[in-house]
C-alpha atoms as a PDB file:
ATOM      1  CA  GLU A   1       0.000   0.000   0.000  1.00  0.00           C
ATOM      2  CA  VAL A   2       1.360   3.356  -1.046  1.00  0.00           C
ATOM      3  CA  GLN A   3       1.712   5.755   1.860  1.00  0.00           C
ATOM      4  CA  LEU A   4       2.890   9.360   1.736  1.00  0.00           C
ATOM      5  CA  VAL A   5       3.221  11.173   5.042  1.00  0.00           C
ATOM      6  CA  GLU A   6       4.096  14.854   5.059  1.00  0.00           C
ATOM      7  CA  SER A   7       5.549  16.731   7.994  1.00  0.00           C
ATOM      8  CA  GLY A   8       7.349  19.936   8.826  1.00  0.00           C
ATOM      9  CA  GLY A   9       4.722  22.553   8.104  1.00  0.00           C
ATOM     10  CA  GLY A  10       3.993  25.407  10.436  1.00  0.00           C
ATOM     11  CA  LEU A  11       3.731  29.145  10.917  1.00  0.00           C
ATOM     12  CA  VAL A  12       6.599  31.300   9.712  1.00  0.00           C
ATOM     13  CA  GLN A  13       7.106  35.010   9.221  1.00  0.00           C
ATOM     14  CA  LEU A  14       7.550  36.787   5.917  1.00  0.00           C
ATOM     15  CA  GLY A  15      11.029  36.052   4.593  1.00  0.00           C
ATOM     16  CA  GLY A  16      11.494  33.008   6.747  1.00  0.00           C
ATOM     17  CA  SER A  17      12.377  29.449   5.836  1.00  0.00           C
ATOM     18  CA  LEU A  18      10.808  26.065   6.341  1.00  0.00           C
ATOM     19  CA  ARG A  19      11.511  22.532   5.192  1.00  0.00           C
ATOM     20  CA  VAL A  20       8.728  20.061   4.635  1.00  0.00           C
ATOM     21  CA  SER A  21       9.297  16.330   4.300  1.00  0.00           C
ATOM     22  CA  CYS A  22       7.410  13.394   2.846  1.00  0.00           C
ATOM     23  CA  ALA A  23       8.075   9.888   4.109  1.00  0.00           C
ATOM     24  CA  ALA A  24       7.153   7.379   1.420  1.00  0.00           C
ATOM     25  CA  SER A  25       6.479   3.668   1.716  1.00  0.00           C
ATOM     26  CA  GLY A  26       4.807   0.815  -0.119  1.00  0.00           C
ATOM     27  CA  PHE A  27       6.527   1.285  -3.464  1.00  0.00           C
ATOM     28  CA  PRO A  28      10.072   1.477  -4.899  1.00  0.00           C
ATOM     29  CA  PHE A  29      10.625   5.136  -4.124  1.00  0.00           C
ATOM     30  CA  SER A  30      13.903   5.510  -5.990  1.00  0.00           C
ATOM     31  CA  VAL A  31      12.452   4.696  -9.406  1.00  0.00           C
ATOM     32  CA  TYR A  32       9.631   7.235  -9.396  1.00  0.00           C
ATOM     33  CA  ALA A  33       9.501  10.942 -10.065  1.00  0.00           C
ATOM     34  CA  MET A  34       7.925  12.754  -7.133  1.00  0.00           C
ATOM     35  CA  SER A  35       6.131  16.066  -6.825  1.00  0.00           C
ATOM     36  CA  TRP A  36       5.040  18.686  -4.365  1.00  0.00           C
ATOM     37  CA  ILE A  37       1.632  20.221  -5.009  1.00  0.00           C
ATOM     38  CA  ARG A  38       0.017  22.955  -2.962  1.00  0.00           C
ATOM     39  CA  GLN A  39      -3.475  24.285  -2.525  1.00  0.00           C
ATOM     40  CA  ALA A  40      -4.124  27.699  -1.079  1.00  0.00           C
ATOM     41  CA  PRO A  41      -7.466  28.600   0.531  1.00  0.00           C
ATOM     42  CA  GLY A  42     -10.110  29.118  -2.138  1.00  0.00           C
ATOM     43  CA  LYS A  43      -7.717  28.308  -4.978  1.00  0.00           C
ATOM     44  CA  GLY A  44      -6.942  25.363  -7.181  1.00  0.00           C
ATOM     45  CA  ARG A  45      -4.010  23.041  -6.862  1.00  0.00           C
ATOM     46  CA  GLU A  46      -0.615  24.177  -8.083  1.00  0.00           C
ATOM     47  CA  LEU A  47       2.303  21.971  -9.053  1.00  0.00           C
ATOM     48  CA  VAL A  48       5.148  23.479  -7.062  1.00  0.00           C
ATOM     49  CA  SER A  49       8.009  21.214  -8.050  1.00  0.00           C
ATOM     50  CA  LEU A  50       8.895  17.845  -9.506  1.00  0.00           C
ATOM     51  CA  ILE A  51      12.067  15.809  -9.187  1.00  0.00           C
ATOM     52  CA  ASN A  52      12.864  12.909 -11.450  1.00  0.00           C
ATOM     53  CA  SER A  53      14.074   9.553 -10.318  1.00  0.00           C
ATOM     54  CA  GLY A  54      17.360   9.213 -12.105  1.00  0.00           C
ATOM     55  CA  THR A  55      19.394  12.374 -12.341  1.00  0.00           C
ATOM     56  CA  GLY A  56      17.457  14.204  -9.683  1.00  0.00           C
ATOM     57  CA  ARG A  57      16.663  16.908 -12.197  1.00  0.00           C
ATOM     58  CA  ALA A  58      14.023  19.255 -10.841  1.00  0.00           C
ATOM     59  CA  THR A  59      11.466  21.656 -12.273  1.00  0.00           C
ATOM     60  CA  TYR A  60       9.709  24.476 -10.467  1.00  0.00           C
ATOM     61  CA  ALA A  61       6.679  26.663 -10.812  1.00  0.00           C
ATOM     62  CA  ASP A  62       7.632  30.200 -11.785  1.00  0.00           C
ATOM     63  CA  SER A  63       6.147  31.414  -8.517  1.00  0.00           C
ATOM     64  CA  VAL A  64       8.782  29.576  -6.459  1.00  0.00           C
ATOM     65  CA  LYS A  65      11.848  29.513  -8.712  1.00  0.00           C
ATOM     66  CA  GLY A  66      14.951  30.658  -6.921  1.00  0.00           C
ATOM     67  CA  ARG A  67      13.313  30.300  -3.499  1.00  0.00           C
ATOM     68  CA  PHE A  68      12.346  26.636  -3.189  1.00  0.00           C
ATOM     69  CA  THR A  69      14.509  23.548  -3.606  1.00  0.00           C
ATOM     70  CA  ILE A  70      13.208  20.022  -3.985  1.00  0.00           C
ATOM     71  CA  SER A  71      15.391  17.070  -3.067  1.00  0.00           C
ATOM     72  CA  ARG A  72      15.143  13.411  -2.270  1.00  0.00           C
ATOM     73  CA  ASP A  73      16.980  10.875  -0.175  1.00  0.00           C
ATOM     74  CA  ASN A  74      16.407   7.511  -1.803  1.00  0.00           C
ATOM     75  CA  ALA A  75      18.114   5.671   1.047  1.00  0.00           C
ATOM     76  CA  LYS A  76      15.525   7.102   3.443  1.00  0.00           C
ATOM     77  CA  ASN A  77      12.578   7.037   1.010  1.00  0.00           C
ATOM     78  CA  THR A  78      12.027  10.689   1.778  1.00  0.00           C
ATOM     79  CA  LEU A  79      11.179  13.712  -0.331  1.00  0.00           C
ATOM     80  CA  TYR A  80      11.970  17.246   0.826  1.00  0.00           C
ATOM     81  CA  LEU A  81      11.037  20.789  -0.070  1.00  0.00           C
ATOM     82  CA  GLN A  82      13.240  23.543   1.290  1.00  0.00           C
ATOM     83  CA  MET A  83      11.369  26.834   1.189  1.00  0.00           C
ATOM     84  CA  ASN A  84      13.240  30.107   1.616  1.00  0.00           C
ATOM     85  CA  SER A  85      12.208  33.754   1.387  1.00  0.00           C
ATOM     86  CA  LEU A  86       8.645  32.758   2.119  1.00  0.00           C
ATOM     87  CA  LYS A  87       5.805  35.060   1.199  1.00  0.00           C
ATOM     88  CA  PRO A  88       2.191  35.227   2.397  1.00  0.00           C
ATOM     89  CA  GLU A  89       1.101  33.899  -0.998  1.00  0.00           C
ATOM     90  CA  ASP A  90       2.994  30.680  -0.235  1.00  0.00           C
ATOM     91  CA  THR A  91       0.408  29.938   2.449  1.00  0.00           C
ATOM     92  CA  ALA A  92      -1.189  26.629   1.481  1.00  0.00           C
ATOM     93  CA  VAL A  93      -1.488  22.982   2.279  1.00  0.00           C
ATOM     94  CA  TYR A  94       1.498  21.212   0.748  1.00  0.00           C
ATOM     95  CA  TYR A  95       1.019  17.705  -0.571  1.00  0.00           C
ATOM     96  CA  CYS A  96       3.429  15.022  -1.634  1.00  0.00           C
ATOM     97  CA  TYR A  97       2.164  13.426  -4.855  1.00  0.00           C
ATOM     98  CA  LEU A  98       2.810  10.265  -6.853  1.00  0.00           C
ATOM     99  CA  ASN A  99       0.596   9.047  -9.700  1.00  0.00           C
ATOM    100  CA  ASN A 100      -2.780   9.848  -8.119  1.00  0.00           C
ATOM    101  CA  TYR A 101      -1.562   9.058  -4.608  1.00  0.00           C
ATOM    102  CA  TRP A 102      -1.645  11.925  -2.137  1.00  0.00           C
ATOM    103  CA  GLY A 103      -0.439  12.416   1.366  1.00  0.00           C
ATOM    104  CA  GLN A 104      -2.610  14.069   4.006  1.00  0.00           C
ATOM    105  CA  GLY A 105      -0.835  17.371   3.478  1.00  0.00           C
ATOM    106  CA  THR A 106       0.985  19.729   5.780  1.00  0.00           C
ATOM    107  CA  GLN A 107      -0.125  23.308   6.408  1.00  0.00           C
ATOM    108  CA  VAL A 108       2.315  26.127   5.743  1.00  0.00           C
ATOM    109  CA  THR A 109       1.261  29.580   6.878  1.00  0.00           C
ATOM    110  CA  VAL A 110       3.327  32.679   6.193  1.00  0.00           C
ATOM    111  CA  SER A 111       2.448  35.750   8.202  1.00  0.00           C
ATOM    112  CA  SER A 112       3.168  39.294   7.132  1.00  0.00           C
END
């Protein structure tokens, strides 16, 4: 059974940093591309970042380029998202995503 468990969200001030994590289990983590998707209150879902399985090449939404970094530790079956220079518009629930499997999400709130 695929399980994705996010952690690390919280309340942070404008300009602050936060790292969210996703512990994965139930599938061969190292062979799959993984994504972070977020949903802000009253808005649709946004693909924040994706990291491929082989080279670790990553892509980012324009809204987070230069501020967020996605990474993975295949030995620990864990996906990360380092978020720097946070803005109030980054406030959202952040989800780990794999092929129609979702975690429960972790809330990130940025105060101004």
